[in-house]
Protein backbone atom coordinates (compact mmCIF):
# COMPACT_ATOMS: atom_id res chain seq x y z
CA MET A 1 -103.69 -92.89 32.29
CA MET A 2 -101.58 -95.67 30.76
CA LEU A 3 -100.80 -98.44 33.25
CA ASP A 4 -97.81 -100.74 33.00
CA LEU A 5 -99.78 -103.96 33.46
CA ILE A 6 -103.36 -105.16 33.73
CA LEU A 7 -104.19 -108.72 34.75
CA ASP A 8 -107.62 -109.80 33.50
CA ASN A 9 -109.86 -112.83 34.02
CA ALA A 10 -108.11 -114.00 37.19
CA ARG A 11 -109.25 -115.41 40.52
CA ILE A 12 -107.52 -112.81 42.66
CA ARG A 13 -107.32 -113.57 46.39
CA THR A 14 -105.93 -110.45 48.02
CA PHE A 15 -105.81 -111.32 51.76
CA ASP A 16 -107.01 -107.76 52.27
CA GLU A 17 -110.14 -107.87 54.43
CA ASP A 18 -111.50 -104.69 52.86
CA ARG A 19 -111.43 -106.26 49.39
CA PRO A 20 -110.81 -110.01 49.58
CA ALA A 21 -111.35 -110.90 45.91
CA ALA A 22 -111.27 -109.42 42.41
CA ARG A 23 -111.08 -110.42 38.74
CA THR A 24 -108.88 -107.62 37.35
CA MET A 25 -105.85 -105.81 38.78
CA GLY A 26 -103.85 -102.85 37.51
CA VAL A 27 -100.17 -102.09 38.12
CA TRP A 28 -98.20 -98.88 37.59
CA ASN A 29 -94.64 -98.06 38.59
CA GLY A 30 -94.28 -101.33 40.47
CA ARG A 31 -97.37 -100.84 42.64
CA ILE A 32 -100.98 -101.91 42.58
CA VAL A 33 -103.30 -99.07 41.54
CA GLY A 34 -106.65 -100.81 41.85
CA PHE A 35 -109.03 -103.62 40.96
CA ASP A 36 -112.04 -104.22 38.73
CA GLU A 37 -113.99 -100.93 38.52
CA ASP A 38 -110.89 -98.96 39.63
CA VAL A 39 -109.12 -99.79 36.37
CA ARG A 40 -112.12 -100.21 34.07
CA GLY A 41 -111.58 -98.23 30.88
CA LEU A 42 -107.85 -97.85 31.44
CA ASN A 43 -105.22 -99.11 29.03
CA ALA A 44 -101.87 -100.72 29.80
CA LYS A 45 -98.58 -101.34 28.06
CA ARG A 46 -99.18 -105.03 28.75
CA ARG A 47 -102.58 -106.64 29.26
CA LEU A 48 -102.75 -110.32 30.16
CA ASN A 49 -105.75 -112.65 30.12
CA LEU A 50 -104.93 -115.21 32.80
CA GLY A 51 -107.62 -117.68 31.82
CA ASP A 52 -109.14 -118.00 35.32
CA ALA A 53 -105.79 -118.72 36.97
CA ALA A 54 -105.42 -117.87 40.66
CA VAL A 55 -103.46 -114.77 41.71
CA LEU A 56 -102.19 -114.41 45.27
CA PRO A 57 -99.66 -112.21 47.07
CA GLY A 58 -96.13 -113.47 46.46
CA PHE A 59 -94.84 -115.98 48.98
CA ASN A 60 -92.44 -114.88 51.72
CA ASP A 61 -90.11 -117.40 53.40
CA VAL A 62 -89.00 -115.49 56.50
CA HIS A 63 -86.37 -118.00 57.67
CA CYS A 64 -84.11 -119.60 55.10
CA HIS A 65 -80.43 -119.65 54.18
CA THR A 66 -80.28 -118.44 50.62
CA ALA A 67 -76.53 -118.13 50.07
CA TRP A 68 -76.01 -121.53 51.69
CA TYR A 69 -78.78 -123.03 49.52
CA GLY A 70 -77.19 -121.59 46.39
CA LEU A 71 -73.84 -123.07 47.38
CA THR A 72 -75.43 -126.50 47.88
CA LEU A 73 -76.63 -126.45 44.29
CA ALA A 74 -72.97 -126.65 43.27
CA SER A 75 -71.94 -129.19 45.96
CA VAL A 76 -72.05 -132.99 46.15
CA ASP A 77 -75.63 -133.76 47.13
CA CYS A 78 -75.96 -136.60 49.65
CA THR A 79 -79.63 -136.09 50.45
CA ALA A 80 -81.54 -139.36 51.07
CA LEU A 81 -79.73 -141.37 48.40
CA PRO A 82 -81.70 -144.56 47.64
CA GLY A 83 -78.52 -146.68 47.55
CA GLY A 84 -77.77 -145.90 51.19
CA LEU A 85 -74.27 -145.39 52.54
CA PRO A 86 -72.63 -147.26 49.61
CA GLU A 87 -74.08 -144.63 47.26
CA VAL A 88 -72.84 -141.84 49.55
CA TYR A 89 -69.35 -143.32 49.42
CA ALA A 90 -69.56 -143.72 45.65
CA LYS A 91 -70.55 -140.08 45.10
CA LEU A 92 -67.79 -138.84 47.39
CA GLU A 93 -65.23 -141.10 45.71
CA ALA A 94 -66.26 -139.78 42.28
CA ALA A 95 -65.99 -136.22 43.55
CA SER A 96 -62.57 -136.98 45.04
CA ALA A 97 -61.32 -138.26 41.70
CA ALA A 98 -62.26 -134.94 40.12
CA VAL A 99 -60.56 -132.80 42.78
CA PRO A 100 -56.80 -132.15 42.74
CA SER A 101 -54.69 -133.45 45.60
CA GLY A 102 -55.04 -131.25 48.70
CA GLU A 103 -58.17 -129.46 47.46
CA TRP A 104 -61.47 -129.46 49.36
CA ILE A 105 -64.42 -131.74 48.71
CA ASN A 106 -67.66 -129.92 49.62
CA ALA A 107 -70.80 -131.96 50.12
CA THR A 108 -74.17 -131.38 51.72
CA GLY A 109 -77.55 -132.80 52.68
CA TYR A 110 -76.56 -135.81 54.79
CA GLY A 111 -79.29 -136.82 57.23
CA HIS A 112 -78.42 -139.74 59.48
CA ARG A 113 -82.09 -140.69 59.85
CA ASP A 114 -82.18 -141.31 56.08
CA TYR A 115 -79.46 -143.92 56.56
CA GLY A 116 -80.81 -145.94 59.46
CA GLY A 117 -79.31 -143.57 62.02
CA GLU A 118 -75.79 -144.29 60.80
CA TYR A 119 -72.98 -141.92 59.98
CA PRO A 120 -70.26 -142.56 57.39
CA ASP A 121 -67.31 -144.60 58.63
CA LEU A 122 -64.25 -142.39 59.04
CA ALA A 123 -61.89 -145.13 57.82
CA VAL A 124 -63.87 -145.47 54.59
CA LEU A 125 -63.98 -141.70 54.09
CA ASP A 126 -60.21 -141.48 54.58
CA ARG A 127 -59.62 -144.28 52.08
CA ILE A 128 -61.72 -142.72 49.31
CA THR A 129 -60.69 -139.10 49.85
CA GLY A 130 -56.99 -139.47 50.72
CA ASP A 131 -55.33 -136.11 51.33
CA ARG A 132 -58.34 -134.13 50.07
CA PRO A 133 -60.08 -132.56 53.10
CA LEU A 134 -63.81 -133.25 53.24
CA PHE A 135 -66.60 -131.08 54.62
CA LEU A 136 -69.98 -132.84 54.41
CA ARG A 137 -72.67 -130.71 56.01
CA GLN A 138 -75.53 -132.48 57.73
CA GLN A 139 -79.01 -131.57 56.50
CA SER A 140 -79.86 -129.70 59.72
CA GLY A 141 -76.80 -127.48 59.36
CA HIS A 142 -76.01 -128.08 63.03
CA ALA A 143 -73.41 -130.78 62.41
CA ALA A 144 -70.98 -131.85 59.73
CA ILE A 145 -68.97 -134.92 58.79
CA VAL A 146 -65.27 -134.43 58.09
CA ASN A 147 -62.35 -136.70 57.31
CA THR A 148 -58.97 -137.01 58.99
CA ALA A 149 -57.32 -134.63 56.52
CA ALA A 150 -59.82 -131.90 57.50
CA MET A 151 -59.45 -132.58 61.23
CA ARG A 152 -55.68 -132.44 60.97
CA LEU A 153 -55.83 -129.05 59.22
CA ALA A 154 -58.30 -127.76 61.83
CA GLY A 155 -56.07 -128.77 64.77
CA ILE A 156 -58.64 -131.22 66.14
CA LEU A 157 -56.04 -134.00 66.34
CA GLU A 158 -53.52 -131.89 68.26
CA PRO A 159 -52.62 -133.02 71.82
CA GLY A 160 -54.68 -131.19 74.43
CA PHE A 161 -57.39 -130.12 71.98
CA GLN A 162 -60.58 -128.99 73.73
CA ASP A 163 -64.07 -128.56 72.31
CA PRO A 164 -65.07 -124.94 71.64
CA PRO A 165 -67.91 -123.40 73.68
CA GLY A 166 -71.26 -124.49 72.26
CA GLY A 167 -69.78 -127.27 70.13
CA HIS A 168 -68.62 -130.86 70.30
CA VAL A 169 -66.23 -133.13 68.41
CA VAL A 170 -67.89 -136.54 68.73
CA ARG A 171 -65.56 -139.35 69.82
CA ASP A 172 -65.89 -143.12 70.06
CA GLN A 173 -65.60 -145.13 73.28
CA ASP A 174 -61.81 -145.05 72.98
CA GLY A 175 -61.75 -141.27 72.72
CA ARG A 176 -60.97 -141.12 69.00
CA PRO A 177 -62.82 -138.59 66.79
CA THR A 178 -65.48 -140.19 64.60
CA GLY A 179 -65.53 -137.40 62.03
CA LEU A 180 -68.78 -135.88 63.34
CA VAL A 181 -68.49 -132.28 64.52
CA GLU A 182 -71.48 -130.56 66.10
CA GLU A 183 -72.65 -126.96 66.35
CA THR A 184 -69.83 -124.39 66.79
CA ALA A 185 -67.16 -127.08 66.34
CA GLN A 186 -68.00 -126.96 62.63
CA ALA A 187 -66.41 -123.53 62.41
CA LEU A 188 -63.00 -125.06 63.13
CA VAL A 189 -63.20 -126.67 59.72
CA GLN A 190 -65.32 -124.07 57.96
CA ASP A 191 -62.82 -121.33 58.73
CA LEU A 192 -60.34 -123.17 56.56
CA ILE A 193 -62.72 -122.81 53.61
CA ARG A 194 -64.18 -119.37 54.26
CA PRO A 195 -64.47 -116.62 53.36
CA TYR A 196 -66.10 -117.36 50.04
CA SER A 197 -65.36 -114.87 47.28
CA LEU A 198 -67.89 -112.26 46.26
CA GLU A 199 -68.11 -113.87 42.83
CA THR A 200 -68.95 -117.24 44.39
CA LEU A 201 -71.61 -115.74 46.65
CA VAL A 202 -73.23 -113.71 43.87
CA GLY A 203 -73.37 -116.88 41.80
CA ALA A 204 -75.01 -118.71 44.70
CA LEU A 205 -77.62 -115.96 45.10
CA ASP A 206 -78.30 -116.07 41.36
CA LEU A 207 -78.95 -119.83 41.43
CA ALA A 208 -81.00 -119.73 44.62
CA THR A 209 -83.29 -116.84 43.79
CA ALA A 210 -83.87 -118.12 40.25
CA GLN A 211 -85.33 -121.20 41.92
CA TYR A 212 -87.31 -119.02 44.32
CA ALA A 213 -88.92 -117.29 41.35
CA ARG A 214 -89.97 -120.63 39.91
CA GLU A 215 -91.69 -121.38 43.23
CA GLY A 216 -93.57 -118.09 43.60
CA ILE A 217 -91.28 -116.70 46.31
CA THR A 218 -90.98 -112.91 46.13
CA SER A 219 -89.44 -112.21 49.57
CA PHE A 220 -87.24 -114.04 52.02
CA GLY A 221 -85.38 -113.63 55.28
CA GLU A 222 -81.70 -114.61 55.11
CA CYS A 223 -81.34 -115.97 58.62
CA GLY A 224 -77.73 -115.36 59.60
CA VAL A 225 -75.11 -113.53 57.55
CA PHE A 226 -71.40 -112.62 57.63
CA ALA A 227 -70.40 -114.20 60.98
CA GLY A 228 -70.62 -117.37 63.05
CA TRP A 229 -70.69 -120.88 61.63
CA ILE A 230 -73.62 -119.92 59.42
CA GLY A 231 -71.99 -116.92 57.73
CA HIS A 232 -69.99 -117.12 54.51
CA SER A 233 -67.89 -113.95 54.41
CA PRO A 234 -67.41 -110.84 56.55
CA ILE A 235 -68.51 -108.88 53.47
CA GLU A 236 -71.51 -111.07 52.67
CA VAL A 237 -73.84 -108.06 52.56
CA HIS A 238 -71.65 -106.67 49.77
CA ALA A 239 -72.44 -109.80 47.75
CA TYR A 240 -76.15 -109.10 48.18
CA GLN A 241 -75.69 -105.56 46.95
CA LEU A 242 -73.76 -106.77 43.91
CA ALA A 243 -76.40 -109.40 43.11
CA ARG A 244 -79.07 -106.72 43.26
CA GLU A 245 -77.10 -104.33 41.06
CA GLN A 246 -76.53 -107.09 38.50
CA GLY A 247 -80.19 -108.09 38.38
CA LEU A 248 -79.45 -111.47 39.97
CA LEU A 249 -81.41 -110.98 43.20
CA ARG A 250 -84.91 -112.01 42.12
CA ALA A 251 -86.68 -111.48 45.45
CA ARG A 252 -86.77 -108.94 48.25
CA ALA A 253 -84.27 -109.85 50.96
CA GLN A 254 -84.24 -109.10 54.67
CA LEU A 255 -80.77 -109.87 56.04
CA MET A 256 -80.37 -111.04 59.63
CA PRO A 257 -76.81 -110.51 60.90
CA MET A 258 -75.31 -112.99 63.32
CA ALA A 259 -74.81 -111.69 66.85
CA ASP A 260 -71.28 -113.14 66.66
CA GLY A 261 -70.43 -110.25 64.33
CA LEU A 262 -71.58 -107.47 66.66
CA HIS A 263 -68.89 -105.72 68.67
CA ALA A 264 -68.52 -102.90 71.17
CA ILE A 265 -69.16 -99.48 69.64
CA THR A 266 -67.83 -96.27 71.18
CA ALA A 267 -70.59 -93.69 70.94
CA HIS A 268 -71.62 -90.61 72.89
CA SER A 269 -72.29 -91.51 76.50
CA THR A 270 -75.89 -90.27 76.27
CA ASP A 271 -76.68 -92.69 73.44
CA GLY A 272 -76.70 -95.76 75.68
CA TYR A 273 -75.07 -97.76 72.89
CA GLY A 274 -73.58 -101.17 73.55
CA ILE A 275 -72.78 -103.53 70.66
CA GLY A 276 -73.47 -103.23 66.97
CA LEU A 277 -71.93 -102.81 63.54
CA ASP A 278 -69.61 -100.02 62.47
CA THR A 279 -71.46 -96.85 61.40
CA GLY A 280 -74.38 -97.82 63.66
CA VAL A 281 -76.58 -99.50 61.06
CA ARG A 282 -79.24 -101.61 62.74
CA THR A 283 -82.58 -103.33 62.25
CA GLY A 284 -84.62 -101.51 59.61
CA PHE A 285 -81.70 -100.03 57.64
CA GLY A 286 -82.18 -100.38 53.88
CA ASP A 287 -85.11 -100.14 51.52
CA GLU A 288 -87.98 -102.22 50.21
CA ARG A 289 -85.64 -104.45 48.20
CA LEU A 290 -82.77 -105.09 50.62
CA SER A 291 -82.71 -104.35 54.32
CA PHE A 292 -81.45 -105.42 57.74
CA GLY A 293 -83.84 -107.41 59.91
CA PRO A 294 -83.35 -108.60 63.48
CA VAL A 295 -80.04 -109.87 64.77
CA LYS A 296 -79.88 -113.65 65.11
CA ILE A 297 -78.79 -115.23 68.39
CA PHE A 298 -78.25 -118.98 68.79
CA MET A 299 -79.62 -120.36 72.04
CA ASP A 300 -79.26 -124.08 71.25
CA GLY A 301 -78.87 -126.67 68.50
CA ALA A 302 -81.20 -128.94 66.51
CA MET A 303 -83.93 -131.40 67.38
CA SER A 304 -82.92 -133.82 64.62
CA GLY A 305 -79.44 -134.27 66.08
CA GLU A 306 -80.73 -134.11 69.67
CA THR A 307 -78.50 -131.13 70.48
CA ALA A 308 -81.46 -128.80 71.17
CA ALA A 309 -81.60 -127.91 74.89
CA MET A 310 -84.47 -129.72 76.63
CA ARG A 311 -85.93 -129.59 80.14
CA GLU A 312 -85.75 -133.40 80.25
CA ASN A 313 -83.72 -136.05 78.43
CA TYR A 314 -84.66 -137.16 74.95
CA ALA A 315 -86.74 -140.34 74.97
CA GLY A 316 -84.61 -143.41 75.63
CA THR A 317 -81.38 -141.43 76.12
CA ASP A 318 -79.33 -139.92 78.90
CA THR A 319 -78.90 -136.57 77.17
CA ALA A 320 -81.00 -133.40 77.14
CA GLY A 321 -78.94 -131.46 74.59
CA TYR A 322 -77.18 -128.23 75.52
CA LEU A 323 -77.27 -124.47 75.29
CA GLN A 324 -74.77 -122.71 73.02
CA ASP A 325 -73.23 -120.84 75.96
CA ASP A 326 -73.74 -120.05 79.61
CA PRO A 327 -77.34 -118.80 80.09
CA GLU A 328 -76.15 -115.54 81.60
CA VAL A 329 -73.84 -114.88 78.64
CA LEU A 330 -76.77 -115.42 76.25
CA ARG A 331 -79.01 -113.18 78.35
CA ARG A 332 -76.48 -110.33 78.33
CA LEU A 333 -75.95 -110.72 74.59
CA THR A 334 -79.70 -110.42 73.96
CA LEU A 335 -80.04 -107.35 76.16
CA GLU A 336 -76.96 -105.63 74.73
CA ALA A 337 -78.04 -106.16 71.14
CA TYR A 338 -81.57 -105.01 71.90
CA ARG A 339 -80.62 -101.84 73.73
CA SER A 340 -78.38 -100.95 70.80
CA GLY A 341 -81.35 -100.75 68.44
CA TRP A 342 -81.61 -104.30 67.15
CA SER A 343 -84.73 -106.40 67.20
CA VAL A 344 -83.74 -109.96 68.04
CA ALA A 345 -84.47 -113.33 66.45
CA VAL A 346 -83.46 -115.98 68.97
CA HIS A 347 -82.90 -119.50 67.67
CA ALA A 348 -84.52 -121.69 70.33
CA ILE A 349 -85.70 -125.22 69.61
CA GLY A 350 -85.72 -127.24 72.84
CA ASP A 351 -88.15 -126.24 75.59
CA LEU A 352 -85.32 -125.24 77.94
CA ALA A 353 -83.93 -122.94 75.24
CA VAL A 354 -87.41 -121.50 74.62
CA ASP A 355 -87.79 -120.82 78.36
CA HIS A 356 -84.62 -118.70 78.28
CA ALA A 357 -85.45 -117.04 74.95
CA VAL A 358 -88.89 -115.90 76.13
CA ALA A 359 -87.51 -114.60 79.43
CA ASN A 360 -84.68 -112.72 77.72
CA ILE A 361 -86.87 -111.08 75.07
CA VAL A 362 -89.49 -110.08 77.63
CA GLU A 363 -86.81 -108.53 79.84
CA ALA A 364 -85.42 -106.63 76.85
CA ILE A 365 -88.83 -105.22 75.93
CA ASP A 366 -89.71 -104.35 79.51
CA THR A 367 -86.37 -102.58 79.96
CA TYR A 368 -85.90 -100.80 76.62
CA GLY A 369 -89.35 -100.68 75.04
CA GLN A 370 -91.04 -102.31 72.06
CA ARG A 371 -89.34 -102.28 68.64
CA THR A 372 -91.13 -101.37 65.42
CA LEU A 373 -89.94 -104.60 63.82
CA PRO A 374 -91.18 -107.60 65.85
CA ASN A 375 -88.86 -109.77 67.89
CA ARG A 376 -88.92 -113.45 67.03
CA ILE A 377 -88.18 -116.93 68.29
CA GLU A 378 -86.73 -118.92 65.43
CA HIS A 379 -88.09 -122.48 65.12
CA ALA A 380 -89.83 -122.44 68.53
CA ALA A 381 -90.03 -126.22 68.29
CA MET A 382 -91.07 -126.96 71.88
CA VAL A 383 -93.30 -124.24 73.31
CA HIS A 384 -95.32 -125.03 76.44
CA ASP A 385 -98.81 -123.63 76.95
CA GLU A 386 -97.57 -121.32 79.70
CA HIS A 387 -95.68 -119.23 77.13
CA LEU A 388 -98.54 -118.65 74.67
CA PRO A 389 -100.15 -115.64 76.42
CA THR A 390 -96.75 -114.01 76.88
CA LEU A 391 -95.78 -114.41 73.22
CA ALA A 392 -99.09 -112.86 72.15
CA ARG A 393 -98.97 -110.00 74.67
CA TYR A 394 -95.43 -108.99 73.75
CA GLY A 395 -95.93 -109.37 69.99
CA ILE A 396 -93.19 -112.01 69.67
CA ALA A 397 -93.38 -113.92 66.38
CA VAL A 398 -92.54 -117.63 66.10
CA THR A 399 -91.21 -119.48 63.06
CA PRO A 400 -91.91 -123.24 63.37
CA GLN A 401 -91.10 -125.14 60.17
CA ALA A 402 -93.94 -127.43 59.12
CA ALA A 403 -91.69 -128.36 56.18
CA PHE A 404 -89.66 -130.57 58.54
CA ALA A 405 -92.58 -132.99 58.83
CA ARG A 406 -92.00 -135.14 55.77
CA ASP A 407 -88.27 -135.82 56.09
CA ILE A 408 -87.53 -135.71 59.83
CA GLY A 409 -90.92 -135.60 61.53
CA ASP A 410 -90.94 -139.31 62.39
CA GLY A 411 -87.49 -139.10 63.96
CA MET A 412 -88.39 -136.06 66.03
CA ASN A 413 -91.58 -137.75 67.24
CA ARG A 414 -89.44 -140.64 68.48
CA SER A 415 -86.93 -138.33 70.11
CA LEU A 416 -89.66 -136.74 72.21
CA GLY A 417 -91.85 -139.74 72.94
CA GLU A 418 -95.62 -139.86 73.13
CA ASP A 419 -95.95 -137.64 76.21
CA ARG A 420 -94.19 -134.62 74.70
CA ARG A 421 -94.70 -134.83 70.95
CA ARG A 422 -97.90 -132.77 71.08
CA LEU A 423 -95.69 -129.71 71.65
CA LEU A 424 -93.56 -130.29 68.54
CA TYR A 425 -93.52 -127.46 65.98
CA ARG A 426 -96.98 -126.26 66.90
CA GLY A 427 -99.17 -124.33 64.50
CA ARG A 428 -102.85 -123.95 65.33
CA SER A 429 -102.11 -123.23 68.99
CA PHE A 430 -100.08 -120.19 67.97
CA VAL A 431 -102.73 -118.87 65.59
CA ASP A 432 -105.54 -119.40 68.09
CA ALA A 433 -103.53 -117.56 70.75
CA GLY A 434 -103.07 -114.55 68.46
CA ILE A 435 -99.33 -115.11 67.96
CA MET A 436 -97.70 -114.13 64.67
CA LEU A 437 -96.92 -117.32 62.73
CA PRO A 438 -95.10 -116.51 59.46
CA GLY A 439 -94.23 -119.15 56.89
CA SER A 440 -90.66 -120.39 56.71
CA SER A 441 -88.67 -123.43 55.60
CA ASP A 442 -85.11 -123.25 56.99
CA ARG A 443 -84.00 -124.19 53.49
CA PRO A 444 -81.73 -126.03 52.68
CA CYS A 445 -82.37 -127.91 55.93
CA ALA A 446 -85.80 -128.81 54.53
CA ASP A 447 -87.74 -128.58 51.28
CA GLY A 448 -88.18 -124.85 50.78
CA THR A 449 -90.92 -125.00 48.15
CA ALA A 450 -93.53 -122.59 49.50
CA LEU A 451 -96.57 -124.54 48.29
CA ARG A 452 -95.23 -127.70 49.92
CA GLY A 453 -94.66 -125.74 53.10
CA ILE A 454 -98.25 -124.55 52.95
CA GLN A 455 -99.48 -128.12 52.51
CA ALA A 456 -97.28 -129.24 55.42
CA PHE A 457 -98.94 -126.63 57.64
CA VAL A 458 -102.28 -128.18 56.65
CA ASP A 459 -101.52 -131.92 56.92
CA ARG A 460 -98.24 -132.17 58.94
CA ALA A 461 -97.72 -135.51 57.17
CA THR A 462 -94.51 -137.41 57.87
CA GLY A 463 -92.72 -139.74 55.48
CA GLY A 464 -93.78 -142.68 57.63
CA GLY A 465 -97.49 -141.96 57.42
CA ASP A 466 -97.81 -140.26 60.80
CA VAL A 467 -98.25 -136.57 61.62
CA MET A 468 -95.50 -134.44 63.08
CA GLY A 469 -96.39 -133.74 66.68
CA SER A 470 -100.17 -133.50 66.95
CA ALA A 471 -102.90 -133.38 64.31
CA ALA A 472 -104.58 -130.74 66.49
CA GLU A 473 -101.88 -128.31 65.30
CA CYS A 474 -102.92 -128.48 61.62
CA LEU A 475 -103.86 -125.15 60.06
CA THR A 476 -106.63 -124.49 57.59
CA ALA A 477 -105.46 -123.84 54.04
CA GLU A 478 -106.36 -120.16 54.36
CA GLN A 479 -104.35 -119.83 57.58
CA ALA A 480 -101.40 -121.57 55.93
CA VAL A 481 -101.39 -119.29 52.90
CA ALA A 482 -101.78 -116.25 55.15
CA ALA A 483 -98.69 -117.40 57.05
CA TYR A 484 -96.63 -117.24 53.85
CA THR A 485 -98.07 -113.88 52.75
CA LYS A 486 -99.84 -111.47 55.09
CA THR A 487 -98.39 -112.68 58.40
CA ALA A 488 -94.91 -113.07 56.93
CA ALA A 489 -94.94 -109.38 56.02
CA GLU A 490 -96.15 -108.45 59.51
CA ALA A 491 -93.44 -110.51 61.20
CA SER A 492 -90.83 -108.89 58.95
CA GLY A 493 -92.07 -105.41 59.79
CA HIS A 494 -93.07 -104.86 56.15
CA SER A 495 -96.86 -105.00 56.19
CA SER A 496 -97.08 -101.35 55.16
CA PHE A 497 -95.95 -102.15 51.63
CA LYS A 498 -96.42 -105.88 50.98
CA GLY A 499 -98.09 -109.10 52.14
CA THR A 500 -101.53 -108.39 50.68
CA LEU A 501 -102.72 -107.34 47.25
CA THR A 502 -103.85 -103.84 48.13
CA ALA A 503 -103.90 -100.60 46.19
CA GLY A 504 -100.69 -98.71 46.96
CA LYS A 505 -98.67 -101.78 47.92
CA VAL A 506 -95.97 -103.32 45.75
CA ALA A 507 -97.14 -105.64 43.00
CA ASP A 508 -95.51 -108.80 44.35
CA LEU A 509 -97.67 -111.69 43.20
CA VAL A 510 -97.80 -115.31 42.16
CA VAL A 511 -100.01 -116.78 39.43
CA LEU A 512 -101.09 -120.36 40.16
CA ALA A 513 -102.95 -123.03 38.20
CA ASP A 514 -105.29 -123.42 41.18
CA ASP A 515 -106.13 -121.60 44.39
CA PRO A 516 -104.47 -123.41 47.34
CA VAL A 517 -107.18 -122.16 49.69
CA THR A 518 -109.90 -124.10 47.86
CA ALA A 519 -107.86 -126.87 46.21
CA ASP A 520 -107.69 -130.46 47.43
CA PRO A 521 -105.42 -130.15 50.52
CA ALA A 522 -103.55 -133.30 49.49
CA ARG A 523 -102.35 -131.67 46.27
CA ILE A 524 -101.53 -128.11 47.33
CA GLY A 525 -97.81 -128.82 46.97
CA ASP A 526 -98.31 -129.96 43.36
CA ILE A 527 -100.06 -126.82 42.10
CA ASP A 528 -98.17 -125.36 39.14
CA VAL A 529 -96.61 -121.92 39.53
CA LEU A 530 -97.42 -120.18 36.26
CA ALA A 531 -95.77 -116.82 36.90
CA THR A 532 -94.11 -114.75 39.60
CA ALA A 533 -93.73 -110.97 39.70
CA VAL A 534 -91.77 -108.67 42.00
CA GLY A 535 -92.79 -105.03 41.79
CA GLY A 536 -94.82 -105.82 38.68
CA GLU A 537 -91.81 -107.27 36.85
CA PHE A 538 -92.02 -110.97 36.03
CA THR A 539 -89.19 -113.06 37.47
CA HIS A 540 -90.79 -116.29 36.26
CA TRP A 541 -93.16 -116.92 33.37
CA ALA A 542 -94.59 -120.31 32.33
CA LEU A 543 -97.96 -119.32 30.85
């Protein structure tokens, strides 16, 4: 038998309990055929001596925003500029000079905590942008900064304007808009820019997944497509299909449609169908390369902007954030989507939002039965001990982003205060309770580099020298890598064909200069990615 590929002289860590390690691995027709003695004496079209490099299952970021990330690579980047607000203004002024009158200026990455808690001054933005409407997305994605030209086009300045449900146009003490729009209010401006063209979206996916390959990422979950303030086009899935057909989708993608895009479906009365997508496609539709995952439902906002819904006020404030809609509306939406065949991924960050999310998912499972693909709570930033047994018993996965620690961990610690910070983006508590904890980044809201995310799970180090939340929530390096490989596949419903290096599974792998499980924990994020392969085909090669 002639194999397609044999990897020799490697430190192979499989994350398969039946065969945890090997030195040689064989690949045929995109799948692993065996290790060591299984492939001894066999030849291959390509045989590679890896020089004792480490080989692990490819990394899987189950919650990121790939199209959005790709678009940011072509936008004005305002992320943590060392020159402060003057440098932000300078970059926007330069961009304005290059944009024709009346055309949009798109920028991204602004984090008010990087600028002493300040937001750009609307008068200055208006002066440097003139009649060019500005959309500057905040790093969290849950707010944006716009200028007067954009607000005028969006109708925000019209007499009698009212905030949309689940959103807020921030105003000063005199009732004048400041240029900051939160949550669903962003869509008022975004809808003037969207939908993006298929060509633009395919280009974004090309840029984004090329970077993923350089980081060892072989799978990802696109958390929110085609509808809501996080979608980019009603035919966004078409863009994914085109990118795949053109060889520009360099990782396996699980697409999570926004619940905003589901609508009433007329089906046979015996089917018990409620809301969905035309033709009845649902969670699980697709193949090993491109498929539909759970439907995403927003329960609340973000911790960094203090819009996440809390049981009690944020420390030193008179606000506790807010839910995206009436709790009963969100409950009915969850139940209707679930009974129509969708697993659900409920965005819930504040502890009040998590309370509702857990109750709604449990009611859905108790009423309609367990789904093959796990239900999830996205972010799960404030989970009280009382919920841990329930999450484990019902098989509900959680996706806390350790990657937030470095850039916004200090700010979130302050927002919660000493008494509550121990609950912030927990890790070890979930693992110890037997709850699925897959790796995720929320990119571009945080650094999406998988190895840095793994290190963040281990050290939870903030930019200010603290730890995010509690040091008791740190994972071991092995637990952290498992989160980005084996557990990520389980939480995606894909453990039957990926997540471990096992004979019969797809040959999705990453070749590293060192093994993150045994390396110095302080340098995991700096380990070089030497090669990445999806189905045995190399998407990145630096050996």
